[in-house]
Amino acid sequence: MWHTIYVRNMESFKQETKKDANEKEENKIKFLNLLDEEEIEIQRLTDEDVDECVKVMRKCAFDVTEAEVKSIIDYGRSFGATVNRMIIGVGLAWPAKLDIESKTITGGEANALYMEDPAVLLAYEGRGVRRILLKEREKEVVEQKLQYGIGYLYEDIPKGSIADYITEAGNQLEKLYLSEGYTFFRTEKGILAFKKL
């Protein structure tokens, strides 16, 4: 299943506005905006995508093997972002059981989707690909009738308010989770981010 999302580059073109701006200038602005658009397609990953996903993830400093990536893709819950059919972002996910009382991931019937950090090629950073992959996996939580989207933040966050720290010094993924309404909880494995969907 493919669907297309159009993403505008975040750069803006500063234009001086004059009351008597002519039509030629207006057409020039529209042309610049058209060149700024890129077509990003989202697809559910399959076994055919394993090699390309591994390459993208390794370029993004993930230490993964083809067997590991294939075993996760086989759950059928992972998505890739593509441009011209080339994978530029990978969002792996698999079913998990979140014990909401103890804030731990346990064995048992899945009630959550664990979302691995998205891997996005450097050339596509800052274009909203992480958000697109997060949203696609959140839709999967709802479609599969699960309750939570979950993930771990492995960075050592100092004592105090996690949300305040992320606002001040968090990385892109942490700020994305914060902006999307995730709750944070300290665990032995790191900071657990979770959201009821």
C-alpha atoms as a PDB file:
ATOM      1  CA  MET A   1       0.000   0.000   0.000  1.00  0.00           C
ATOM      2  CA  TRP A   2       1.474   3.342  -1.095  1.00  0.00           C
ATOM      3  CA  HIS A   3       0.289   6.822  -0.436  1.00  0.00           C
ATOM      4  CA  THR A   4       1.907  10.109  -1.259  1.00  0.00           C
ATOM      5  CA  ILE A   5       2.666  13.022   1.014  1.00  0.00           C
ATOM      6  CA  TYR A   6       3.923  16.313  -0.350  1.00  0.00           C
ATOM      7  CA  VAL A   7       6.461  18.014   1.874  1.00  0.00           C
ATOM      8  CA  ARG A   8       7.624  21.585   1.493  1.00  0.00           C
ATOM      9  CA  ASN A   9      11.214  22.428   2.209  1.00  0.00           C
ATOM     10  CA  MET A  10      11.327  24.534   5.374  1.00  0.00           C
ATOM     11  CA  GLU A  11      13.310  27.325   3.709  1.00  0.00           C
ATOM     12  CA  SER A  12      11.382  30.485   2.988  1.00  0.00           C
ATOM     13  CA  PHE A  13      12.172  33.066   0.391  1.00  0.00           C
ATOM     14  CA  LYS A  14      12.157  36.569   1.814  1.00  0.00           C
ATOM     15  CA  GLN A  15      10.456  38.926  -0.589  1.00  0.00           C
ATOM     16  CA  GLU A  16      10.054  42.660  -0.306  1.00  0.00           C
ATOM     17  CA  THR A  17       6.423  43.484  -0.808  1.00  0.00           C
ATOM     18  CA  LYS A  18       5.429  46.579  -2.746  1.00  0.00           C
ATOM     19  CA  LYS A  19       1.930  47.798  -3.411  1.00  0.00           C
ATOM     20  CA  ASP A  20       2.577  47.929  -7.143  1.00  0.00           C
ATOM     21  CA  ALA A  21       4.107  44.424  -7.442  1.00  0.00           C
ATOM     22  CA  ASN A  22       3.653  43.220 -10.979  1.00  0.00           C
ATOM     23  CA  GLU A  23       2.332  39.889 -12.192  1.00  0.00           C
ATOM     24  CA  LYS A  24       5.780  38.725 -13.320  1.00  0.00           C
ATOM     25  CA  GLU A  25       7.083  38.820  -9.722  1.00  0.00           C
ATOM     26  CA  GLU A  26       4.045  36.860  -8.448  1.00  0.00           C
ATOM     27  CA  ASN A  27       4.630  34.143 -11.047  1.00  0.00           C
ATOM     28  CA  LYS A  28       8.288  33.945 -10.011  1.00  0.00           C
ATOM     29  CA  ILE A  29       7.295  33.291  -6.359  1.00  0.00           C
ATOM     30  CA  LYS A  30       4.909  30.501  -7.385  1.00  0.00           C
ATOM     31  CA  PHE A  31       7.627  28.908  -9.528  1.00  0.00           C
ATOM     32  CA  LEU A  32      10.109  28.922  -6.636  1.00  0.00           C
ATOM     33  CA  ASN A  33       7.543  27.253  -4.382  1.00  0.00           C
ATOM     34  CA  LEU A  34       6.887  24.532  -6.952  1.00  0.00           C
ATOM     35  CA  LEU A  35      10.592  23.722  -7.145  1.00  0.00           C
ATOM     36  CA  ASP A  36      10.658  23.419  -3.355  1.00  0.00           C
ATOM     37  CA  GLU A  37       8.135  20.560  -3.226  1.00  0.00           C
ATOM     38  CA  GLU A  38       9.297  16.956  -3.041  1.00  0.00           C
ATOM     39  CA  GLU A  39       7.176  13.866  -3.317  1.00  0.00           C
ATOM     40  CA  ILE A  40       7.558  11.482  -0.377  1.00  0.00           C
ATOM     41  CA  GLU A  41       5.748   8.171  -0.492  1.00  0.00           C
ATOM     42  CA  ILE A  42       5.088   5.999   2.546  1.00  0.00           C
ATOM     43  CA  GLN A  43       5.060   2.237   2.198  1.00  0.00           C
ATOM     44  CA  ARG A  44       4.712  -0.727   4.504  1.00  0.00           C
ATOM     45  CA  LEU A  45       8.074  -2.492   4.489  1.00  0.00           C
ATOM     46  CA  THR A  46       8.403  -6.071   3.211  1.00  0.00           C
ATOM     47  CA  ASP A  47      11.209  -8.640   2.944  1.00  0.00           C
ATOM     48  CA  GLU A  48      12.152  -7.093  -0.413  1.00  0.00           C
ATOM     49  CA  ASP A  49      13.119  -3.873   1.417  1.00  0.00           C
ATOM     50  CA  VAL A  50      15.479  -5.452   3.987  1.00  0.00           C
ATOM     51  CA  ASP A  51      18.765  -4.748   2.146  1.00  0.00           C
ATOM     52  CA  GLU A  52      17.907  -1.123   1.436  1.00  0.00           C
ATOM     53  CA  CYS A  53      16.652  -0.568   5.009  1.00  0.00           C
ATOM     54  CA  VAL A  54      19.881  -1.978   6.455  1.00  0.00           C
ATOM     55  CA  LYS A  55      21.937   0.365   4.228  1.00  0.00           C
ATOM     56  CA  VAL A  56      19.918   3.411   5.358  1.00  0.00           C
ATOM     57  CA  MET A  57      20.126   2.422   9.018  1.00  0.00           C
ATOM     58  CA  ARG A  58      23.875   1.816   8.874  1.00  0.00           C
ATOM     59  CA  LYS A  59      24.383   5.229   7.239  1.00  0.00           C
ATOM     60  CA  CYS A  60      22.508   6.634  10.244  1.00  0.00           C
ATOM     61  CA  ALA A  61      24.862   4.843  12.700  1.00  0.00           C
ATOM     62  CA  PHE A  62      22.498   1.991  13.637  1.00  0.00           C
ATOM     63  CA  ASP A  63      24.378  -1.232  14.405  1.00  0.00           C
ATOM     64  CA  VAL A  64      22.007  -3.732  12.764  1.00  0.00           C
ATOM     65  CA  THR A  65      22.156  -6.972  10.816  1.00  0.00           C
ATOM     66  CA  GLU A  66      19.973  -8.080   7.942  1.00  0.00           C
ATOM     67  CA  ALA A  67      18.550 -10.893  10.100  1.00  0.00           C
ATOM     68  CA  GLU A  68      17.517  -8.448  12.856  1.00  0.00           C
ATOM     69  CA  VAL A  69      15.859  -6.045  10.431  1.00  0.00           C
ATOM     70  CA  LYS A  70      14.096  -8.883   8.579  1.00  0.00           C
ATOM     71  CA  SER A  71      12.712 -10.337  11.825  1.00  0.00           C
ATOM     72  CA  ILE A  72      11.202  -6.942  12.708  1.00  0.00           C
ATOM     73  CA  ILE A  73       9.849  -6.252   9.210  1.00  0.00           C
ATOM     74  CA  ASP A  74       8.183  -9.701   9.301  1.00  0.00           C
ATOM     75  CA  TYR A  75       5.772  -8.363  11.964  1.00  0.00           C
ATOM     76  CA  GLY A  76       4.278  -6.192   9.194  1.00  0.00           C
ATOM     77  CA  ARG A  77       4.183  -3.012  11.302  1.00  0.00           C
ATOM     78  CA  SER A  78       7.195  -1.118   9.896  1.00  0.00           C
ATOM     79  CA  PHE A  79       7.159   1.706   7.347  1.00  0.00           C
ATOM     80  CA  GLY A  80       9.584   3.357   4.972  1.00  0.00           C
ATOM     81  CA  ALA A  81       9.627   6.833   3.454  1.00  0.00           C
ATOM     82  CA  THR A  82      10.715   6.881  -0.176  1.00  0.00           C
ATOM     83  CA  VAL A  83      11.609   9.463  -2.803  1.00  0.00           C
ATOM     84  CA  ASN A  84      11.575   8.163  -6.383  1.00  0.00           C
ATOM     85  CA  ARG A  85      11.179   4.628  -4.953  1.00  0.00           C
ATOM     86  CA  MET A  86      14.439   4.974  -2.986  1.00  0.00           C
ATOM     87  CA  ILE A  87      14.116   4.474   0.772  1.00  0.00           C
ATOM     88  CA  ILE A  88      15.269   7.613   2.593  1.00  0.00           C
ATOM     89  CA  GLY A  89      13.732   6.900   6.016  1.00  0.00           C
ATOM     90  CA  VAL A  90      13.013   3.744   8.025  1.00  0.00           C
ATOM     91  CA  GLY A  91      10.567   3.430  10.925  1.00  0.00           C
ATOM     92  CA  LEU A  92      10.711  -0.088  12.382  1.00  0.00           C
ATOM     93  CA  ALA A  93       8.019  -1.234  14.822  1.00  0.00           C
ATOM     94  CA  TRP A  94       6.805  -4.393  16.501  1.00  0.00           C
ATOM     95  CA  PRO A  95       4.018  -5.455  18.904  1.00  0.00           C
ATOM     96  CA  ALA A  96       4.803  -5.276  22.626  1.00  0.00           C
ATOM     97  CA  LYS A  97       3.074  -5.501  26.009  1.00  0.00           C
ATOM     98  CA  LEU A  98       3.240  -2.365  28.170  1.00  0.00           C
ATOM     99  CA  ASP A  99       2.401  -2.801  31.844  1.00  0.00           C
ATOM    100  CA  ILE A 100       1.096   0.696  32.435  1.00  0.00           C
ATOM    101  CA  GLU A 101       1.192   0.343  36.243  1.00  0.00           C
ATOM    102  CA  SER A 102       4.910  -0.479  36.447  1.00  0.00           C
ATOM    103  CA  LYS A 103       5.810   1.325  33.181  1.00  0.00           C
ATOM    104  CA  THR A 104       7.681  -1.748  31.949  1.00  0.00           C
ATOM    105  CA  ILE A 105       7.582  -3.811  28.793  1.00  0.00           C
ATOM    106  CA  THR A 106       6.615  -7.365  29.737  1.00  0.00           C
ATOM    107  CA  GLY A 107       5.597 -10.615  28.106  1.00  0.00           C
ATOM    108  CA  GLY A 108       1.986 -11.291  27.220  1.00  0.00           C
ATOM    109  CA  GLU A 109      -0.627 -10.230  24.728  1.00  0.00           C
ATOM    110  CA  ALA A 110       0.433  -7.075  22.892  1.00  0.00           C
ATOM    111  CA  ASN A 111      -1.322  -3.837  23.809  1.00  0.00           C
ATOM    112  CA  ALA A 112       1.312  -1.495  22.339  1.00  0.00           C
ATOM    113  CA  LEU A 113       3.496  -0.918  19.316  1.00  0.00           C
ATOM    114  CA  TYR A 114       7.173  -0.426  20.098  1.00  0.00           C
ATOM    115  CA  MET A 115       8.588   2.180  17.716  1.00  0.00           C
ATOM    116  CA  GLU A 116      12.323   2.121  17.036  1.00  0.00           C
ATOM    117  CA  ASP A 117      14.008   5.486  16.491  1.00  0.00           C
ATOM    118  CA  PRO A 118      13.485   6.469  12.843  1.00  0.00           C
ATOM    119  CA  ALA A 119      16.551   6.384  10.609  1.00  0.00           C
ATOM    120  CA  VAL A 120      16.543   9.287   8.131  1.00  0.00           C
ATOM    121  CA  LEU A 121      19.261   9.981   5.578  1.00  0.00           C
ATOM    122  CA  LEU A 122      21.140  13.206   6.252  1.00  0.00           C
ATOM    123  CA  ALA A 123      20.063  14.790   2.949  1.00  0.00           C
ATOM    124  CA  TYR A 124      16.418  14.579   4.123  1.00  0.00           C
ATOM    125  CA  GLU A 125      16.870  15.871   7.675  1.00  0.00           C
ATOM    126  CA  GLY A 126      14.636  18.778   8.634  1.00  0.00           C
ATOM    127  CA  ARG A 127      11.865  17.871   6.193  1.00  0.00           C
ATOM    128  CA  GLY A 128       9.462  16.238   8.625  1.00  0.00           C
ATOM    129  CA  VAL A 129      10.265  12.624   7.682  1.00  0.00           C
ATOM    130  CA  ARG A 130      10.523  11.548  11.354  1.00  0.00           C
ATOM    131  CA  ARG A 131       7.082  13.016  12.078  1.00  0.00           C
ATOM    132  CA  ILE A 132       5.600  11.294   9.010  1.00  0.00           C
ATOM    133  CA  LEU A 133       7.026   7.917  10.098  1.00  0.00           C
ATOM    134  CA  LEU A 134       5.825   8.444  13.683  1.00  0.00           C
ATOM    135  CA  LYS A 135       2.302   9.342  12.514  1.00  0.00           C
ATOM    136  CA  GLU A 136       2.163   6.323  10.198  1.00  0.00           C
ATOM    137  CA  ARG A 137       3.082   3.963  13.045  1.00  0.00           C
ATOM    138  CA  GLU A 138       0.565   5.668  15.347  1.00  0.00           C
ATOM    139  CA  LYS A 139      -2.130   4.962  12.729  1.00  0.00           C
ATOM    140  CA  GLU A 140      -1.023   1.327  12.869  1.00  0.00           C
ATOM    141  CA  VAL A 141      -1.599   1.297  16.658  1.00  0.00           C
ATOM    142  CA  VAL A 142      -5.194   2.427  16.097  1.00  0.00           C
ATOM    143  CA  GLU A 143      -5.824   0.082  13.145  1.00  0.00           C
ATOM    144  CA  GLN A 144      -4.509  -2.925  15.100  1.00  0.00           C
ATOM    145  CA  LYS A 145      -6.693  -1.951  18.093  1.00  0.00           C
ATOM    146  CA  LEU A 146      -3.673  -1.556  20.365  1.00  0.00           C
ATOM    147  CA  GLN A 147      -3.608   1.069  23.113  1.00  0.00           C
ATOM    148  CA  TYR A 148      -0.143   2.641  23.171  1.00  0.00           C
ATOM    149  CA  GLY A 149       2.701   3.838  21.025  1.00  0.00           C
ATOM    150  CA  ILE A 150       5.961   3.380  22.953  1.00  0.00           C
ATOM    151  CA  GLY A 151       9.696   3.921  22.546  1.00  0.00           C
ATOM    152  CA  TYR A 152      12.826   4.437  24.624  1.00  0.00           C
ATOM    153  CA  LEU A 153      15.017   7.513  24.796  1.00  0.00           C
ATOM    154  CA  TYR A 154      18.441   6.187  25.720  1.00  0.00           C
ATOM    155  CA  GLU A 155      20.132   9.497  26.489  1.00  0.00           C
ATOM    156  CA  ASP A 156      20.983  10.075  30.140  1.00  0.00           C
ATOM    157  CA  ILE A 157      18.590  12.843  31.149  1.00  0.00           C
ATOM    158  CA  PRO A 158      19.445  14.657  34.400  1.00  0.00           C
ATOM    159  CA  LYS A 159      17.093  14.583  37.376  1.00  0.00           C
ATOM    160  CA  GLY A 160      14.194  16.997  37.294  1.00  0.00           C
ATOM    161  CA  SER A 161      11.458  17.488  34.734  1.00  0.00           C
ATOM    162  CA  ILE A 162      12.070  15.403  31.621  1.00  0.00           C
ATOM    163  CA  ALA A 163       9.807  17.654  29.539  1.00  0.00           C
ATOM    164  CA  ASP A 164      11.700  20.787  30.644  1.00  0.00           C
ATOM    165  CA  TYR A 165      15.029  19.170  29.791  1.00  0.00           C
ATOM    166  CA  ILE A 166      13.783  18.085  26.346  1.00  0.00           C
ATOM    167  CA  THR A 167      12.444  21.579  25.663  1.00  0.00           C
ATOM    168  CA  GLU A 168      15.830  23.096  26.488  1.00  0.00           C
ATOM    169  CA  ALA A 169      18.340  20.520  25.241  1.00  0.00           C
ATOM    170  CA  GLY A 170      16.538  17.563  23.671  1.00  0.00           C
ATOM    171  CA  ASN A 171      17.375  16.059  20.300  1.00  0.00           C
ATOM    172  CA  GLN A 172      14.962  16.067  17.329  1.00  0.00           C
ATOM    173  CA  LEU A 173      13.305  12.778  18.241  1.00  0.00           C
ATOM    174  CA  GLU A 174      12.777  13.767  21.884  1.00  0.00           C
ATOM    175  CA  LYS A 175      11.265  17.095  20.832  1.00  0.00           C
ATOM    176  CA  LEU A 176       9.046  15.267  18.339  1.00  0.00           C
ATOM    177  CA  TYR A 177       7.685  12.964  21.062  1.00  0.00           C
ATOM    178  CA  LEU A 178       7.123  15.965  23.335  1.00  0.00           C
ATOM    179  CA  SER A 179       5.291  17.920  20.618  1.00  0.00           C
ATOM    180  CA  GLU A 180       3.079  14.900  19.874  1.00  0.00           C
ATOM    181  CA  GLY A 181       1.881  14.548  23.473  1.00  0.00           C
ATOM    182  CA  TYR A 182       3.972  11.616  24.693  1.00  0.00           C
ATOM    183  CA  THR A 183       4.448  11.029  28.428  1.00  0.00           C
ATOM    184  CA  PHE A 184       7.937  10.277  29.781  1.00  0.00           C
ATOM    185  CA  PHE A 185       8.914   7.952  32.612  1.00  0.00           C
ATOM    186  CA  ARG A 186      12.360   7.048  33.978  1.00  0.00           C
ATOM    187  CA  THR A 187      13.199   3.332  33.890  1.00  0.00           C
ATOM    188  CA  GLU A 188      16.341   1.233  34.299  1.00  0.00           C
ATOM    189  CA  LYS A 189      16.585   0.954  30.494  1.00  0.00           C
ATOM    190  CA  GLY A 190      16.273   4.678  29.847  1.00  0.00           C
ATOM    191  CA  ILE A 191      13.407   7.115  29.453  1.00  0.00           C
ATOM    192  CA  LEU A 192      10.209   5.395  28.327  1.00  0.00           C
ATOM    193  CA  ALA A 193       8.073   7.550  26.033  1.00  0.00           C
ATOM    194  CA  PHE A 194       4.488   6.411  25.662  1.00  0.00           C
ATOM    195  CA  LYS A 195       1.189   7.742  24.344  1.00  0.00           C
ATOM    196  CA  LYS A 196      -2.322   6.358  24.669  1.00  0.00           C
ATOM    197  CA  LEU A 197      -3.919   6.308  21.222  1.00  0.00           C
END
